[in-house]
N, C-alpha and C. Protein backbone atom coordinates (compact mmCIF):
# COMPACT_ATOMS: atom_id res chain seq x y z
N MET A 1 -13.63 11.73 3.30
CA MET A 1 -12.63 10.71 2.94
C MET A 1 -12.62 10.57 1.43
N LEU A 2 -11.44 10.44 0.88
CA LEU A 2 -11.26 10.36 -0.59
C LEU A 2 -11.89 9.09 -1.14
N ARG A 3 -12.55 9.23 -2.26
CA ARG A 3 -13.09 8.09 -2.98
C ARG A 3 -12.42 8.05 -4.37
N ASP A 4 -13.09 8.57 -5.39
CA ASP A 4 -12.52 8.55 -6.73
C ASP A 4 -11.50 9.68 -6.95
N THR A 5 -10.55 9.38 -7.80
CA THR A 5 -9.67 10.44 -8.37
C THR A 5 -9.74 10.27 -9.87
N SER A 6 -8.99 11.09 -10.61
CA SER A 6 -9.03 10.95 -12.06
C SER A 6 -8.42 9.63 -12.54
N LYS A 7 -7.55 9.01 -11.73
CA LYS A 7 -6.89 7.75 -12.10
C LYS A 7 -7.48 6.51 -11.42
N PHE A 8 -8.00 6.66 -10.21
CA PHE A 8 -8.45 5.50 -9.43
C PHE A 8 -9.96 5.65 -9.14
N LYS A 9 -10.72 4.65 -9.61
CA LYS A 9 -12.15 4.64 -9.36
C LYS A 9 -12.41 3.69 -8.19
N PHE A 10 -12.79 4.29 -7.07
CA PHE A 10 -13.00 3.58 -5.80
C PHE A 10 -14.19 2.58 -5.92
N LEU A 11 -14.00 1.36 -5.35
CA LEU A 11 -15.11 0.39 -5.26
C LEU A 11 -15.52 0.21 -3.82
N ASP A 12 -14.60 -0.20 -2.92
CA ASP A 12 -14.92 -0.33 -1.51
C ASP A 12 -13.61 -0.39 -0.70
N TYR A 13 -13.76 -0.27 0.64
CA TYR A 13 -12.62 -0.34 1.53
C TYR A 13 -12.31 -1.78 1.91
N VAL A 14 -11.03 -2.13 1.89
CA VAL A 14 -10.54 -3.43 2.37
C VAL A 14 -10.11 -3.25 3.82
N TYR A 15 -9.55 -2.12 4.15
CA TYR A 15 -9.10 -1.81 5.50
C TYR A 15 -9.39 -0.36 5.79
N ASN A 16 -10.19 -0.14 6.84
CA ASN A 16 -10.52 1.23 7.28
C ASN A 16 -11.01 1.10 8.71
N ILE A 17 -10.09 0.89 9.63
CA ILE A 17 -10.47 0.61 11.03
C ILE A 17 -10.11 1.79 11.91
N GLY A 18 -11.08 2.26 12.66
CA GLY A 18 -10.82 3.31 13.66
C GLY A 18 -10.36 4.61 13.02
N ASN A 19 -9.66 5.40 13.83
CA ASN A 19 -9.19 6.68 13.37
C ASN A 19 -7.69 6.67 13.07
N THR A 20 -7.20 5.54 12.53
CA THR A 20 -5.79 5.43 12.24
C THR A 20 -5.34 6.32 11.12
N GLY A 21 -6.28 6.63 10.19
CA GLY A 21 -5.97 7.43 9.04
C GLY A 21 -5.49 6.59 7.85
N PHE A 22 -5.04 5.34 8.10
CA PHE A 22 -4.58 4.49 7.01
C PHE A 22 -5.71 3.68 6.45
N VAL A 23 -5.91 3.73 5.13
CA VAL A 23 -6.96 2.98 4.46
C VAL A 23 -6.40 2.23 3.27
N VAL A 24 -6.99 1.08 2.96
CA VAL A 24 -6.71 0.32 1.77
C VAL A 24 -8.04 0.10 1.07
N ALA A 25 -8.04 0.32 -0.23
CA ALA A 25 -9.30 0.19 -0.98
C ALA A 25 -9.12 -0.64 -2.24
N ARG A 26 -10.23 -1.21 -2.70
CA ARG A 26 -10.28 -1.87 -4.01
C ARG A 26 -10.88 -0.90 -4.97
N GLY A 27 -10.38 -0.96 -6.25
CA GLY A 27 -10.96 -0.09 -7.26
C GLY A 27 -10.30 -0.38 -8.60
N TYR A 28 -10.48 0.51 -9.51
CA TYR A 28 -10.00 0.33 -10.87
C TYR A 28 -9.02 1.44 -11.22
N TRP A 29 -7.83 1.05 -11.63
CA TRP A 29 -6.76 2.00 -11.92
C TRP A 29 -6.75 2.37 -13.39
N ASN A 30 -6.78 3.64 -13.68
CA ASN A 30 -6.54 4.18 -15.01
C ASN A 30 -7.42 3.54 -16.11
N GLY A 31 -8.70 3.27 -15.77
CA GLY A 31 -9.63 2.75 -16.76
C GLY A 31 -9.56 1.25 -16.98
N ASP A 32 -8.68 0.54 -16.23
CA ASP A 32 -8.57 -0.92 -16.38
C ASP A 32 -9.82 -1.60 -15.83
N THR A 33 -10.13 -2.77 -16.33
CA THR A 33 -11.30 -3.53 -15.85
C THR A 33 -10.93 -4.51 -14.78
N LYS A 34 -9.64 -4.67 -14.48
CA LYS A 34 -9.15 -5.55 -13.43
C LYS A 34 -9.03 -4.78 -12.12
N LEU A 35 -9.50 -5.40 -11.01
CA LEU A 35 -9.41 -4.74 -9.72
C LEU A 35 -7.96 -4.50 -9.30
N SER A 36 -7.76 -3.38 -8.61
CA SER A 36 -6.44 -3.05 -8.06
C SER A 36 -6.64 -2.72 -6.59
N LEU A 37 -5.54 -2.80 -5.83
CA LEU A 37 -5.54 -2.36 -4.41
C LEU A 37 -4.76 -1.04 -4.38
N ALA A 38 -5.24 -0.13 -3.56
CA ALA A 38 -4.56 1.15 -3.39
C ALA A 38 -4.65 1.53 -1.90
N CYS A 39 -3.72 2.35 -1.45
CA CYS A 39 -3.72 2.80 -0.06
C CYS A 39 -3.45 4.28 0.01
N ARG A 40 -3.76 4.85 1.16
CA ARG A 40 -3.48 6.25 1.44
C ARG A 40 -3.63 6.51 2.92
N TRP A 41 -3.10 7.62 3.40
CA TRP A 41 -3.24 8.06 4.78
C TRP A 41 -4.10 9.29 4.77
N GLU A 42 -5.21 9.22 5.48
CA GLU A 42 -6.14 10.37 5.61
C GLU A 42 -5.69 11.20 6.79
N GLU A 43 -5.07 12.35 6.49
CA GLU A 43 -4.54 13.19 7.53
C GLU A 43 -4.74 14.64 7.14
N GLY A 44 -5.33 15.43 8.03
CA GLY A 44 -5.58 16.84 7.70
C GLY A 44 -6.56 16.97 6.55
N ASP A 45 -6.39 18.03 5.77
CA ASP A 45 -7.31 18.30 4.66
C ASP A 45 -7.04 17.43 3.45
N ILE A 46 -5.75 17.10 3.21
CA ILE A 46 -5.39 16.42 1.97
C ILE A 46 -4.95 14.99 2.19
N GLY A 47 -4.13 14.73 3.18
CA GLY A 47 -3.58 13.37 3.41
C GLY A 47 -2.42 13.08 2.51
N TYR A 48 -2.06 11.84 2.45
CA TYR A 48 -0.89 11.43 1.65
C TYR A 48 -1.24 10.12 0.95
N PRO A 49 -0.85 9.87 -0.27
CA PRO A 49 -0.12 10.81 -1.11
C PRO A 49 -0.99 11.90 -1.68
N GLN A 50 -0.32 12.93 -2.12
CA GLN A 50 -0.99 14.06 -2.78
C GLN A 50 -0.08 14.61 -3.84
N THR A 51 -0.69 15.19 -4.86
CA THR A 51 0.08 15.80 -5.94
C THR A 51 -0.46 17.20 -6.18
N PHE A 52 0.43 18.17 -6.10
CA PHE A 52 0.05 19.57 -6.31
C PHE A 52 -1.21 19.96 -5.55
N GLY A 53 -1.31 19.47 -4.27
CA GLY A 53 -2.44 19.84 -3.44
C GLY A 53 -3.69 19.03 -3.67
N HIS A 54 -3.62 17.97 -4.48
CA HIS A 54 -4.80 17.12 -4.76
C HIS A 54 -4.53 15.73 -4.16
N PRO A 55 -5.48 15.20 -3.35
CA PRO A 55 -5.30 13.87 -2.79
C PRO A 55 -5.26 12.77 -3.86
N GLN A 56 -4.45 11.75 -3.64
CA GLN A 56 -4.26 10.67 -4.62
C GLN A 56 -4.33 9.31 -3.88
N TRP A 57 -4.38 8.28 -4.62
CA TRP A 57 -4.26 6.91 -4.12
C TRP A 57 -2.87 6.37 -4.56
N MET A 58 -2.25 5.50 -3.76
CA MET A 58 -1.03 4.83 -4.14
C MET A 58 -1.43 3.41 -4.49
N VAL A 59 -1.35 3.04 -5.77
CA VAL A 59 -1.73 1.72 -6.21
C VAL A 59 -0.62 0.74 -5.92
N LEU A 60 -0.97 -0.40 -5.31
CA LEU A 60 -0.01 -1.42 -4.95
C LEU A 60 0.18 -2.39 -6.10
N PRO A 61 1.40 -2.91 -6.30
CA PRO A 61 1.63 -3.91 -7.34
C PRO A 61 0.76 -5.15 -7.13
N GLU A 62 0.20 -5.69 -8.21
CA GLU A 62 -0.70 -6.83 -8.05
C GLU A 62 0.04 -8.09 -7.54
N ASN A 63 1.35 -8.14 -7.71
CA ASN A 63 2.12 -9.32 -7.28
C ASN A 63 2.77 -9.14 -5.92
N LEU A 64 2.27 -8.19 -5.12
CA LEU A 64 2.85 -7.89 -3.81
C LEU A 64 2.16 -8.71 -2.75
N THR A 65 2.95 -9.37 -1.90
CA THR A 65 2.45 -10.11 -0.76
C THR A 65 3.10 -9.57 0.49
N LEU A 66 2.34 -9.22 1.50
CA LEU A 66 2.89 -8.64 2.73
C LEU A 66 2.47 -9.49 3.95
N ASP A 67 3.40 -9.63 4.87
CA ASP A 67 3.09 -10.25 6.19
C ASP A 67 3.36 -9.19 7.24
N ILE A 68 2.36 -8.45 7.61
CA ILE A 68 2.54 -7.30 8.50
C ILE A 68 2.99 -7.73 9.89
N VAL A 69 2.50 -8.83 10.42
CA VAL A 69 2.89 -9.30 11.75
C VAL A 69 4.40 -9.53 11.80
N ASP A 70 4.98 -10.23 10.82
CA ASP A 70 6.41 -10.46 10.80
C ASP A 70 7.22 -9.20 10.54
N ALA A 71 6.59 -8.22 9.93
CA ALA A 71 7.28 -6.94 9.70
C ALA A 71 7.59 -6.25 11.04
N LEU A 72 6.84 -6.53 12.08
CA LEU A 72 7.07 -5.92 13.39
C LEU A 72 7.97 -6.76 14.27
N SER A 73 8.34 -7.95 13.84
CA SER A 73 9.19 -8.85 14.62
C SER A 73 10.61 -8.30 14.66
N PRO A 74 11.33 -8.38 15.80
CA PRO A 74 12.70 -7.91 15.86
C PRO A 74 13.68 -8.81 15.12
N ALA A 75 13.28 -10.07 14.84
CA ALA A 75 14.19 -11.01 14.13
C ALA A 75 14.15 -10.70 12.63
N PRO A 76 15.30 -10.86 11.95
CA PRO A 76 15.29 -10.67 10.51
C PRO A 76 14.32 -11.65 9.85
N THR A 77 13.34 -11.13 9.15
CA THR A 77 12.28 -11.94 8.60
C THR A 77 11.87 -11.37 7.22
N LEU A 78 11.65 -12.26 6.28
CA LEU A 78 11.14 -11.80 5.00
C LEU A 78 9.72 -11.26 5.22
N VAL A 79 9.49 -10.00 4.82
CA VAL A 79 8.18 -9.42 5.05
C VAL A 79 7.47 -9.00 3.79
N MET A 80 8.14 -8.99 2.69
CA MET A 80 7.51 -8.55 1.46
C MET A 80 8.06 -9.36 0.31
N THR A 81 7.22 -9.85 -0.58
CA THR A 81 7.65 -10.59 -1.76
C THR A 81 6.99 -10.00 -2.98
N LEU A 82 7.74 -9.86 -4.03
CA LEU A 82 7.17 -9.49 -5.33
C LEU A 82 7.39 -10.71 -6.24
N LYS A 83 6.33 -11.22 -6.80
CA LYS A 83 6.41 -12.41 -7.62
C LYS A 83 6.10 -12.09 -9.05
N PRO A 84 6.74 -12.66 -10.00
CA PRO A 84 8.10 -13.17 -9.93
C PRO A 84 9.10 -12.09 -10.22
N PRO A 85 10.37 -12.30 -10.16
CA PRO A 85 11.08 -13.21 -9.32
C PRO A 85 11.78 -12.46 -8.19
N VAL A 86 11.47 -11.18 -7.99
CA VAL A 86 12.20 -10.35 -7.02
C VAL A 86 11.63 -10.58 -5.63
N ALA A 87 12.53 -10.76 -4.68
CA ALA A 87 12.13 -10.85 -3.24
C ALA A 87 12.83 -9.72 -2.50
N VAL A 88 12.05 -9.06 -1.65
CA VAL A 88 12.59 -7.95 -0.86
C VAL A 88 12.36 -8.31 0.59
N GLY A 89 13.37 -8.18 1.43
CA GLY A 89 13.20 -8.51 2.84
C GLY A 89 13.77 -7.38 3.68
N ARG A 90 13.77 -7.60 4.97
CA ARG A 90 14.33 -6.64 5.90
C ARG A 90 15.78 -7.01 6.18
N MET A 91 16.66 -6.05 6.27
CA MET A 91 18.05 -6.34 6.49
C MET A 91 18.41 -6.15 7.95
N ASP A 92 19.25 -7.07 8.44
CA ASP A 92 19.81 -6.95 9.78
C ASP A 92 20.78 -5.74 9.73
N ALA A 93 20.95 -5.06 10.86
CA ALA A 93 21.78 -3.86 10.89
C ALA A 93 23.19 -4.11 10.40
N ASN A 94 23.75 -5.31 10.63
CA ASN A 94 25.12 -5.63 10.23
C ASN A 94 25.22 -6.40 8.91
N ALA A 95 24.11 -6.66 8.27
CA ALA A 95 24.12 -7.49 7.08
C ALA A 95 24.45 -6.68 5.83
N THR A 96 24.98 -7.37 4.85
CA THR A 96 25.25 -6.73 3.55
C THR A 96 24.25 -7.20 2.49
N GLU A 97 23.47 -8.24 2.83
CA GLU A 97 22.44 -8.77 1.92
C GLU A 97 21.12 -8.88 2.66
N LEU A 98 20.04 -9.07 1.89
CA LEU A 98 18.76 -9.27 2.54
C LEU A 98 18.72 -10.50 3.39
N ALA A 99 18.04 -10.45 4.47
CA ALA A 99 17.92 -11.63 5.38
C ALA A 99 17.01 -12.64 4.76
């Protein structure tokens, strides 16, 4: 399982349950001293994301808030917020704007 890369220095796993392949980790991005969250899918030899055949971490924005349970709800529900001030939600199939 991937730990450090040239850009992300792994500290520990926040989510790594079972054999789902999806992991979230805490670590330090690009030499910063502030903790960051990153995720990846461990699949096959390399997994995703990868660049030119080298496994990588996808660093999540520090102002990202997710509600995974509501993301699976069939009702139009706000599932992701970026603060400030952008809000991103899920759109109803017939909608022209975010729900």
